[in-house]
Amino acid sequence: MSMVNTDIQGQTMLIQLNRPERLNALGFQLRTEMAEAFTEFRDNRDLEVCVFTGTGRAFCAGEDMKEALERGAPGSASKLVDNPFWEYGTIDKPIIAAVNGYAMGGGFMLVERTDLRVAVPEAVFEVSEAKRWLLGGYNHGFFAGLPHAVATEMALGFRFTAQRMYELGFINKLVESEELLPTAFGMADHLLSLPPASRMNTMYMMRQMRSKVSPELGRLADALHDHGDKEDLMESRRAFAEKRKPNFNGWVNPEDRYNMPRMETLSNNT
């Protein structure tokens, strides 16, 4: 059975993650089929808008930690899956998220990459890096233009309701489940009613205005991703799979706790 379903309705393409028994977790097969679907959307000149959704209780639960544990390494499989949707600007057509449930970790990042967002009230959002890596999701609240305290809450892995995300401006519309896809397709119809050049030029301009992390902060983030005992990455995944409290090490050298990488030092070394 396909893990990603597609349907073309006029100039709009529906891409639907279809692994409900695993909450649409990003296993290798699902990521491969998703990449193929978005490549078709990008390359088909008859298609102008995409509606992106999930099946079951989740939009996408993020990393497939069962696969990570079987592989013995965190994150996605080492074999590259070339998905144009992961890179901002690679697809120059608007993408509308129809968030039907949990959007966690990598699932949150999928929503974040869309241009317009509709969600059901039951949807739950979480940036999960702080739970699985050595640096929390510091950039997501920045991308969303959130106040510092809220961005910090997001970076540290707290969960957000759909209602709160709507109030914060991350979600465009909240609708009941039976209205989710009709509302998303209604937004697609509105986009298609615009002069084509206006639609594309406006999309291009809005994407250029997205916030970007500075190179200096990017170097600091790279250093912080290595600042700690990387065994904790797999321990967090083992504990999740075994439904127990994790036993973290923290740092290989305990003194590293008091010796944080500093941006000015990193800049001087470049």
C-alpha atoms as a PDB file:
ATOM      1  CA  MET A   1       0.000   0.000   0.000  1.00  0.00           C
ATOM      2  CA  SER A   2       1.261   3.457  -0.896  1.00  0.00           C
ATOM      3  CA  MET A   3       2.354   5.604   2.038  1.00  0.00           C
ATOM      4  CA  VAL A   4       1.628   8.816   0.130  1.00  0.00           C
ATOM      5  CA  ASN A   5      -1.582   9.296  -1.828  1.00  0.00           C
ATOM      6  CA  THR A   6      -2.013  11.919  -4.527  1.00  0.00           C
ATOM      7  CA  ASP A   7      -5.024  13.271  -6.356  1.00  0.00           C
ATOM      8  CA  ILE A   8      -5.228  15.939  -9.032  1.00  0.00           C
ATOM      9  CA  GLN A   9      -8.279  18.187  -9.152  1.00  0.00           C
ATOM     10  CA  GLY A  10      -7.863  20.634 -11.989  1.00  0.00           C
ATOM     11  CA  GLN A  11      -4.742  22.680 -11.289  1.00  0.00           C
ATOM     12  CA  THR A  12      -4.564  21.619  -7.630  1.00  0.00           C
ATOM     13  CA  MET A  13      -2.687  18.547  -6.408  1.00  0.00           C
ATOM     14  CA  LEU A  14      -3.556  16.837  -3.131  1.00  0.00           C
ATOM     15  CA  ILE A  15      -0.610  15.151  -1.381  1.00  0.00           C
ATOM     16  CA  GLN A  16      -1.700  13.023   1.580  1.00  0.00           C
ATOM     17  CA  LEU A  17       0.610  11.125   3.929  1.00  0.00           C
ATOM     18  CA  ASN A  18      -0.892   7.676   4.427  1.00  0.00           C
ATOM     19  CA  ARG A  19       0.799   5.789   7.242  1.00  0.00           C
ATOM     20  CA  PRO A  20      -1.821   6.245   9.972  1.00  0.00           C
ATOM     21  CA  GLU A  21      -0.742   3.233  12.039  1.00  0.00           C
ATOM     22  CA  ARG A  22       2.575   5.035  12.683  1.00  0.00           C
ATOM     23  CA  LEU A  23       1.085   8.543  12.823  1.00  0.00           C
ATOM     24  CA  ASN A  24       2.642   9.228   9.403  1.00  0.00           C
ATOM     25  CA  ALA A  25       6.165   9.039  10.864  1.00  0.00           C
ATOM     26  CA  LEU A  26       8.931   9.901   8.407  1.00  0.00           C
ATOM     27  CA  GLY A  27      10.267   6.459   7.578  1.00  0.00           C
ATOM     28  CA  PHE A  28      12.391   5.964   4.492  1.00  0.00           C
ATOM     29  CA  GLN A  29       9.564   4.684   2.275  1.00  0.00           C
ATOM     30  CA  LEU A  30       7.232   7.522   3.224  1.00  0.00           C
ATOM     31  CA  ARG A  31       9.959  10.114   2.676  1.00  0.00           C
ATOM     32  CA  THR A  32      10.782   8.590  -0.702  1.00  0.00           C
ATOM     33  CA  GLU A  33       7.159   8.629  -1.865  1.00  0.00           C
ATOM     34  CA  MET A  34       6.669  12.153  -0.517  1.00  0.00           C
ATOM     35  CA  ALA A  35       9.722  13.314  -2.466  1.00  0.00           C
ATOM     36  CA  GLU A  36       8.319  11.745  -5.633  1.00  0.00           C
ATOM     37  CA  ALA A  37       4.958  13.463  -5.108  1.00  0.00           C
ATOM     38  CA  PHE A  38       6.458  16.904  -4.561  1.00  0.00           C
ATOM     39  CA  THR A  39       8.783  16.430  -7.526  1.00  0.00           C
ATOM     40  CA  GLU A  40       5.746  15.697  -9.692  1.00  0.00           C
ATOM     41  CA  PHE A  41       4.023  18.801  -8.326  1.00  0.00           C
ATOM     42  CA  ARG A  42       7.082  20.928  -9.064  1.00  0.00           C
ATOM     43  CA  ASP A  43       7.642  19.576 -12.576  1.00  0.00           C
ATOM     44  CA  ASN A  44       4.056  19.311 -13.847  1.00  0.00           C
ATOM     45  CA  ARG A  45       3.308  22.597 -15.603  1.00  0.00           C
ATOM     46  CA  ASP A  46      -0.434  21.950 -15.428  1.00  0.00           C
ATOM     47  CA  LEU A  47      -0.343  22.105 -11.611  1.00  0.00           C
ATOM     48  CA  GLU A  48      -0.348  25.424  -9.764  1.00  0.00           C
ATOM     49  CA  VAL A  49      -1.313  24.789  -6.096  1.00  0.00           C
ATOM     50  CA  CYS A  50      -0.757  21.938  -3.634  1.00  0.00           C
ATOM     51  CA  VAL A  51      -2.882  20.913  -0.647  1.00  0.00           C
ATOM     52  CA  PHE A  52      -0.784  18.867   1.800  1.00  0.00           C
ATOM     53  CA  THR A  53      -2.384  16.774   4.556  1.00  0.00           C
ATOM     54  CA  GLY A  54      -2.222  13.524   6.518  1.00  0.00           C
ATOM     55  CA  THR A  55      -4.397  10.489   7.227  1.00  0.00           C
ATOM     56  CA  GLY A  56      -5.737   9.466  10.623  1.00  0.00           C
ATOM     57  CA  ARG A  57      -4.898  11.133  13.951  1.00  0.00           C
ATOM     58  CA  ALA A  58      -1.720  12.813  12.762  1.00  0.00           C
ATOM     59  CA  PHE A  59      -0.501  15.135  10.079  1.00  0.00           C
ATOM     60  CA  CYS A  60       3.002  13.805  10.730  1.00  0.00           C
ATOM     61  CA  ALA A  61       4.669  12.631  13.964  1.00  0.00           C
ATOM     62  CA  GLY A  62       8.175  13.381  12.703  1.00  0.00           C
ATOM     63  CA  GLU A  63      11.190  11.087  12.792  1.00  0.00           C
ATOM     64  CA  ASP A  64      10.576   7.342  12.648  1.00  0.00           C
ATOM     65  CA  MET A  65      12.464   6.470  15.818  1.00  0.00           C
ATOM     66  CA  LYS A  66      11.952   2.735  15.318  1.00  0.00           C
ATOM     67  CA  GLU A  67      13.934   2.956  12.093  1.00  0.00           C
ATOM     68  CA  ALA A  68      16.557   5.127  13.814  1.00  0.00           C
ATOM     69  CA  LEU A  69      17.017   2.515  16.560  1.00  0.00           C
ATOM     70  CA  GLU A  70      17.251  -0.297  14.021  1.00  0.00           C
ATOM     71  CA  ARG A  71      19.867   1.695  12.116  1.00  0.00           C
ATOM     72  CA  GLY A  72      21.723   2.703  15.271  1.00  0.00           C
ATOM     73  CA  ALA A  73      21.862   6.368  14.292  1.00  0.00           C
ATOM     74  CA  PRO A  74      19.529   9.305  14.942  1.00  0.00           C
ATOM     75  CA  GLY A  75      17.680  11.219  12.294  1.00  0.00           C
ATOM     76  CA  SER A  76      16.888  10.195   8.749  1.00  0.00           C
ATOM     77  CA  ALA A  77      18.485   7.322   6.878  1.00  0.00           C
ATOM     78  CA  SER A  78      21.923   8.085   5.506  1.00  0.00           C
ATOM     79  CA  LYS A  79      20.746   7.537   1.926  1.00  0.00           C
ATOM     80  CA  LEU A  80      19.688  10.922   0.597  1.00  0.00           C
ATOM     81  CA  VAL A  81      16.080  11.400  -0.468  1.00  0.00           C
ATOM     82  CA  ASP A  82      15.961  14.439  -2.745  1.00  0.00           C
ATOM     83  CA  ASN A  83      12.728  16.222  -1.842  1.00  0.00           C
ATOM     84  CA  PRO A  84      12.319  19.695  -3.388  1.00  0.00           C
ATOM     85  CA  PHE A  85       9.828  20.621  -0.663  1.00  0.00           C
ATOM     86  CA  TRP A  86      12.528  20.529   2.045  1.00  0.00           C
ATOM     87  CA  GLU A  87      14.424  23.410   0.431  1.00  0.00           C
ATOM     88  CA  TYR A  88      12.839  26.861   0.533  1.00  0.00           C
ATOM     89  CA  GLY A  89      12.316  28.296  -2.919  1.00  0.00           C
ATOM     90  CA  THR A  90      12.882  25.042  -4.828  1.00  0.00           C
ATOM     91  CA  ILE A  91       9.143  24.802  -5.522  1.00  0.00           C
ATOM     92  CA  ASP A  92       7.852  28.138  -6.797  1.00  0.00           C
ATOM     93  CA  LYS A  93       4.164  27.245  -6.386  1.00  0.00           C
ATOM     94  CA  PRO A  94       2.030  27.811  -3.264  1.00  0.00           C
ATOM     95  CA  ILE A  95       1.546  24.934  -0.816  1.00  0.00           C
ATOM     96  CA  ILE A  96      -1.361  24.853   1.647  1.00  0.00           C
ATOM     97  CA  ALA A  97      -1.141  22.684   4.779  1.00  0.00           C
ATOM     98  CA  ALA A  98      -4.348  21.016   5.959  1.00  0.00           C
ATOM     99  CA  VAL A  99      -3.273  19.896   9.440  1.00  0.00           C
ATOM    100  CA  ASN A 100      -5.534  17.043  10.494  1.00  0.00           C
ATOM    101  CA  GLY A 101      -3.796  16.098  13.776  1.00  0.00           C
ATOM    102  CA  TYR A 102      -0.402  15.868  15.461  1.00  0.00           C
ATOM    103  CA  ALA A 103       2.389  17.879  13.805  1.00  0.00           C
ATOM    104  CA  MET A 104       5.485  16.970  15.813  1.00  0.00           C
ATOM    105  CA  GLY A 105       9.202  17.417  15.175  1.00  0.00           C
ATOM    106  CA  GLY A 106       9.780  16.882  11.480  1.00  0.00           C
ATOM    107  CA  GLY A 107       6.013  17.073  11.033  1.00  0.00           C
ATOM    108  CA  PHE A 108       6.040  20.584  12.476  1.00  0.00           C
ATOM    109  CA  MET A 109       8.843  21.451  10.063  1.00  0.00           C
ATOM    110  CA  LEU A 110       6.707  20.262   7.148  1.00  0.00           C
ATOM    111  CA  VAL A 111       3.918  22.623   8.208  1.00  0.00           C
ATOM    112  CA  GLU A 112       6.460  25.393   8.682  1.00  0.00           C
ATOM    113  CA  ARG A 113       7.552  25.079   5.051  1.00  0.00           C
ATOM    114  CA  THR A 114       4.038  25.670   3.708  1.00  0.00           C
ATOM    115  CA  ASP A 115       2.683  29.048   2.684  1.00  0.00           C
ATOM    116  CA  LEU A 116      -0.860  28.898   4.081  1.00  0.00           C
ATOM    117  CA  ARG A 117      -2.172  26.692   6.917  1.00  0.00           C
ATOM    118  CA  VAL A 118      -5.545  25.330   7.965  1.00  0.00           C
ATOM    119  CA  ALA A 119      -5.904  23.102  11.032  1.00  0.00           C
ATOM    120  CA  VAL A 120      -8.504  21.246  13.064  1.00  0.00           C
ATOM    121  CA  PRO A 121      -8.942  22.273  16.729  1.00  0.00           C
ATOM    122  CA  GLU A 122      -7.598  18.870  17.858  1.00  0.00           C
ATOM    123  CA  ALA A 123      -4.234  19.371  16.151  1.00  0.00           C
ATOM    124  CA  VAL A 124      -1.183  19.507  18.420  1.00  0.00           C
ATOM    125  CA  PHE A 125       2.119  21.141  17.499  1.00  0.00           C
ATOM    126  CA  GLU A 126       5.562  20.490  18.959  1.00  0.00           C
ATOM    127  CA  VAL A 127       9.126  21.392  18.000  1.00  0.00           C
ATOM    128  CA  SER A 128      10.913  18.300  19.305  1.00  0.00           C
ATOM    129  CA  GLU A 129      14.644  18.954  18.812  1.00  0.00           C
ATOM    130  CA  ALA A 130      15.246  19.690  22.493  1.00  0.00           C
ATOM    131  CA  LYS A 131      14.035  16.171  23.324  1.00  0.00           C
ATOM    132  CA  ARG A 132      16.101  14.347  20.695  1.00  0.00           C
ATOM    133  CA  TRP A 133      19.259  16.379  19.966  1.00  0.00           C
ATOM    134  CA  LEU A 134      21.816  18.559  21.755  1.00  0.00           C
ATOM    135  CA  LEU A 135      20.217  21.830  20.661  1.00  0.00           C
ATOM    136  CA  GLY A 136      16.545  22.736  20.799  1.00  0.00           C
ATOM    137  CA  GLY A 137      14.625  24.178  17.886  1.00  0.00           C
ATOM    138  CA  TYR A 138      15.977  27.697  18.312  1.00  0.00           C
ATOM    139  CA  ASN A 139      15.060  28.889  14.821  1.00  0.00           C
ATOM    140  CA  HIS A 140      11.391  27.929  14.484  1.00  0.00           C
ATOM    141  CA  GLY A 141       9.920  30.712  16.596  1.00  0.00           C
ATOM    142  CA  PHE A 142      12.259  33.084  14.791  1.00  0.00           C
ATOM    143  CA  PHE A 143      10.914  31.953  11.418  1.00  0.00           C
ATOM    144  CA  ALA A 144       7.356  32.375  12.718  1.00  0.00           C
ATOM    145  CA  GLY A 145       8.021  35.880  14.061  1.00  0.00           C
ATOM    146  CA  LEU A 146       7.072  34.911  17.613  1.00  0.00           C
ATOM    147  CA  PRO A 147       7.911  36.936  20.749  1.00  0.00           C
ATOM    148  CA  HIS A 148      11.089  35.813  22.509  1.00  0.00           C
ATOM    149  CA  ALA A 149       9.372  34.103  25.445  1.00  0.00           C
ATOM    150  CA  VAL A 150       7.060  32.142  23.142  1.00  0.00           C
ATOM    151  CA  ALA A 151       9.917  31.250  20.782  1.00  0.00           C
ATOM    152  CA  THR A 152      11.880  29.997  23.798  1.00  0.00           C
ATOM    153  CA  GLU A 153       8.914  27.906  24.924  1.00  0.00           C
ATOM    154  CA  MET A 154       8.727  26.422  21.447  1.00  0.00           C
ATOM    155  CA  ALA A 155      12.480  25.774  21.288  1.00  0.00           C
ATOM    156  CA  LEU A 156      12.377  23.848  24.571  1.00  0.00           C
ATOM    157  CA  GLY A 157       9.837  21.344  23.297  1.00  0.00           C
ATOM    158  CA  PHE A 158       6.608  22.503  24.934  1.00  0.00           C
ATOM    159  CA  ARG A 159       3.427  21.515  23.116  1.00  0.00           C
ATOM    160  CA  PHE A 160       1.051  24.024  21.545  1.00  0.00           C
ATOM    161  CA  THR A 161      -2.642  23.617  20.826  1.00  0.00           C
ATOM    162  CA  ALA A 162      -4.065  24.519  17.454  1.00  0.00           C
ATOM    163  CA  GLN A 163      -6.044  27.317  19.083  1.00  0.00           C
ATOM    164  CA  ARG A 164      -2.901  28.887  20.492  1.00  0.00           C
ATOM    165  CA  MET A 165      -1.033  28.541  17.202  1.00  0.00           C
ATOM    166  CA  TYR A 166      -3.961  30.271  15.509  1.00  0.00           C
ATOM    167  CA  GLU A 167      -3.837  33.093  18.064  1.00  0.00           C
ATOM    168  CA  LEU A 168      -0.079  33.434  17.505  1.00  0.00           C
ATOM    169  CA  GLY A 169      -0.622  33.783  13.762  1.00  0.00           C
ATOM    170  CA  PHE A 170       1.022  30.493  12.756  1.00  0.00           C
ATOM    171  CA  ILE A 171      -2.302  29.069  11.503  1.00  0.00           C
ATOM    172  CA  ASN A 172      -4.537  30.941   9.049  1.00  0.00           C
ATOM    173  CA  LYS A 173      -7.806  29.160   9.799  1.00  0.00           C
ATOM    174  CA  LEU A 174      -9.228  26.739  12.384  1.00  0.00           C
ATOM    175  CA  VAL A 175     -12.044  24.532  11.096  1.00  0.00           C
ATOM    176  CA  GLU A 176     -13.788  21.313  12.074  1.00  0.00           C
ATOM    177  CA  SER A 177     -12.469  18.116  10.510  1.00  0.00           C
ATOM    178  CA  GLU A 178     -15.231  17.813   7.934  1.00  0.00           C
ATOM    179  CA  GLU A 179     -14.373  21.298   6.675  1.00  0.00           C
ATOM    180  CA  LEU A 180     -10.592  20.859   6.610  1.00  0.00           C
ATOM    181  CA  LEU A 181     -10.049  19.806   3.002  1.00  0.00           C
ATOM    182  CA  PRO A 182     -12.932  21.885   1.593  1.00  0.00           C
ATOM    183  CA  THR A 183     -11.450  24.969   3.272  1.00  0.00           C
ATOM    184  CA  ALA A 184      -7.959  24.199   1.954  1.00  0.00           C
ATOM    185  CA  PHE A 185      -9.291  23.632  -1.555  1.00  0.00           C
ATOM    186  CA  GLY A 186     -11.316  26.825  -1.241  1.00  0.00           C
ATOM    187  CA  MET A 187      -8.085  28.690  -0.520  1.00  0.00           C
ATOM    188  CA  ALA A 188      -6.533  26.989  -3.537  1.00  0.00           C
ATOM    189  CA  ASP A 189      -9.458  28.154  -5.687  1.00  0.00           C
ATOM    190  CA  HIS A 190      -8.922  31.718  -4.473  1.00  0.00           C
ATOM    191  CA  LEU A 191      -5.250  31.551  -5.443  1.00  0.00           C
ATOM    192  CA  LEU A 192      -6.179  30.223  -8.865  1.00  0.00           C
ATOM    193  CA  SER A 193      -8.611  33.115  -9.361  1.00  0.00           C
ATOM    194  CA  LEU A 194      -5.754  35.631  -9.205  1.00  0.00           C
ATOM    195  CA  PRO A 195      -3.846  36.778 -12.286  1.00  0.00           C
ATOM    196  CA  PRO A 196      -1.150  34.115 -12.731  1.00  0.00           C
ATOM    197  CA  ALA A 197       1.728  36.581 -12.701  1.00  0.00           C
ATOM    198  CA  SER A 198       0.343  38.255  -9.582  1.00  0.00           C
ATOM    199  CA  ARG A 199       0.072  34.913  -7.783  1.00  0.00           C
ATOM    200  CA  MET A 200       3.591  33.821  -8.660  1.00  0.00           C
ATOM    201  CA  ASN A 201       5.250  37.205  -8.157  1.00  0.00           C
ATOM    202  CA  THR A 202       3.571  37.635  -4.775  1.00  0.00           C
ATOM    203  CA  MET A 203       4.555  34.127  -3.668  1.00  0.00           C
ATOM    204  CA  TYR A 204       8.144  34.805  -4.717  1.00  0.00           C
ATOM    205  CA  MET A 205       8.234  38.112  -2.860  1.00  0.00           C
ATOM    206  CA  MET A 206       6.699  36.716   0.335  1.00  0.00           C
ATOM    207  CA  ARG A 207       9.216  33.893   0.430  1.00  0.00           C
ATOM    208  CA  GLN A 208      12.115  36.313   0.016  1.00  0.00           C
ATOM    209  CA  MET A 209      10.835  38.153   3.100  1.00  0.00           C
ATOM    210  CA  ARG A 210      11.009  35.085   5.360  1.00  0.00           C
ATOM    211  CA  SER A 211      13.336  35.503   8.318  1.00  0.00           C
ATOM    212  CA  LYS A 212      16.772  33.912   7.984  1.00  0.00           C
ATOM    213  CA  VAL A 213      19.306  32.946  10.647  1.00  0.00           C
ATOM    214  CA  SER A 214      22.536  34.926  10.307  1.00  0.00           C
ATOM    215  CA  PRO A 215      25.766  33.089   9.387  1.00  0.00           C
ATOM    216  CA  GLU A 216      27.200  33.940  12.828  1.00  0.00           C
ATOM    217  CA  LEU A 217      24.268  32.342  14.645  1.00  0.00           C
ATOM    218  CA  GLY A 218      24.423  29.407  12.251  1.00  0.00           C
ATOM    219  CA  ARG A 219      28.042  28.751  13.238  1.00  0.00           C
ATOM    220  CA  LEU A 220      27.103  28.919  16.913  1.00  0.00           C
ATOM    221  CA  ALA A 221      24.256  26.456  16.337  1.00  0.00           C
ATOM    222  CA  ASP A 222      26.654  24.054  14.594  1.00  0.00           C
ATOM    223  CA  ALA A 223      28.991  24.199  17.596  1.00  0.00           C
ATOM    224  CA  LEU A 224      26.147  23.656  20.064  1.00  0.00           C
ATOM    225  CA  HIS A 225      24.966  20.606  18.130  1.00  0.00           C
ATOM    226  CA  ASP A 226      28.314  19.031  19.136  1.00  0.00           C
ATOM    227  CA  HIS A 227      28.405  20.415  22.676  1.00  0.00           C
ATOM    228  CA  GLY A 228      27.475  17.378  24.760  1.00  0.00           C
ATOM    229  CA  ASP A 229      27.534  13.598  24.910  1.00  0.00           C
ATOM    230  CA  LYS A 230      26.053  12.382  21.632  1.00  0.00           C
ATOM    231  CA  GLU A 231      25.165   9.066  23.240  1.00  0.00           C
ATOM    232  CA  ASP A 232      22.227  10.976  24.717  1.00  0.00           C
ATOM    233  CA  LEU A 233      20.735  11.222  21.217  1.00  0.00           C
ATOM    234  CA  MET A 234      20.210   7.469  21.021  1.00  0.00           C
ATOM    235  CA  GLU A 235      19.278   7.224  24.712  1.00  0.00           C
ATOM    236  CA  SER A 236      16.398   9.648  24.143  1.00  0.00           C
ATOM    237  CA  ARG A 237      15.120   7.429  21.339  1.00  0.00           C
ATOM    238  CA  ARG A 238      15.570   4.201  23.300  1.00  0.00           C
ATOM    239  CA  ALA A 239      13.696   5.655  26.260  1.00  0.00           C
ATOM    240  CA  PHE A 240      10.883   6.798  23.983  1.00  0.00           C
ATOM    241  CA  ALA A 241      10.577   3.347  22.402  1.00  0.00           C
ATOM    242  CA  GLU A 242      10.761   1.598  25.790  1.00  0.00           C
ATOM    243  CA  LYS A 243       8.377   4.086  27.428  1.00  0.00           C
ATOM    244  CA  ARG A 244      10.729   4.859  30.304  1.00  0.00           C
ATOM    245  CA  LYS A 245      12.578   7.829  31.764  1.00  0.00           C
ATOM    246  CA  PRO A 246      15.865   8.464  29.933  1.00  0.00           C
ATOM    247  CA  ASN A 247      19.245   8.253  31.658  1.00  0.00           C
ATOM    248  CA  PHE A 248      21.187  11.119  30.131  1.00  0.00           C
ATOM    249  CA  ASN A 249      24.945  11.685  30.473  1.00  0.00           C
ATOM    250  CA  GLY A 250      24.960  15.375  29.614  1.00  0.00           C
ATOM    251  CA  TRP A 251      28.617  15.917  28.739  1.00  0.00           C
ATOM    252  CA  VAL A 252      31.598  13.638  28.106  1.00  0.00           C
ATOM    253  CA  ASN A 253      33.681  16.113  30.089  1.00  0.00           C
ATOM    254  CA  PRO A 254      31.592  17.550  32.968  1.00  0.00           C
ATOM    255  CA  GLU A 255      33.544  20.813  32.743  1.00  0.00           C
ATOM    256  CA  ASP A 256      32.048  21.426  29.307  1.00  0.00           C
ATOM    257  CA  ARG A 257      28.844  22.355  31.145  1.00  0.00           C
ATOM    258  CA  TYR A 258      30.605  25.587  32.125  1.00  0.00           C
ATOM    259  CA  ASN A 259      32.439  26.216  28.852  1.00  0.00           C
ATOM    260  CA  MET A 260      29.880  27.150  26.239  1.00  0.00           C
ATOM    261  CA  PRO A 261      30.929  27.873  22.648  1.00  0.00           C
ATOM    262  CA  ARG A 262      31.004  31.611  22.102  1.00  0.00           C
ATOM    263  CA  MET A 263      30.019  33.415  18.937  1.00  0.00           C
ATOM    264  CA  GLU A 264      32.951  35.818  19.020  1.00  0.00           C
ATOM    265  CA  THR A 265      35.446  32.953  19.277  1.00  0.00           C
ATOM    266  CA  LEU A 266      33.811  31.064  16.439  1.00  0.00           C
ATOM    267  CA  SER A 267      33.856  34.204  14.283  1.00  0.00           C
ATOM    268  CA  ASN A 268      37.546  34.715  14.960  1.00  0.00           C
ATOM    269  CA  ASN A 269      38.276  31.153  13.827  1.00  0.00           C
ATOM    270  CA  THR A 270      36.603  31.543  10.447  1.00  0.00           C
END
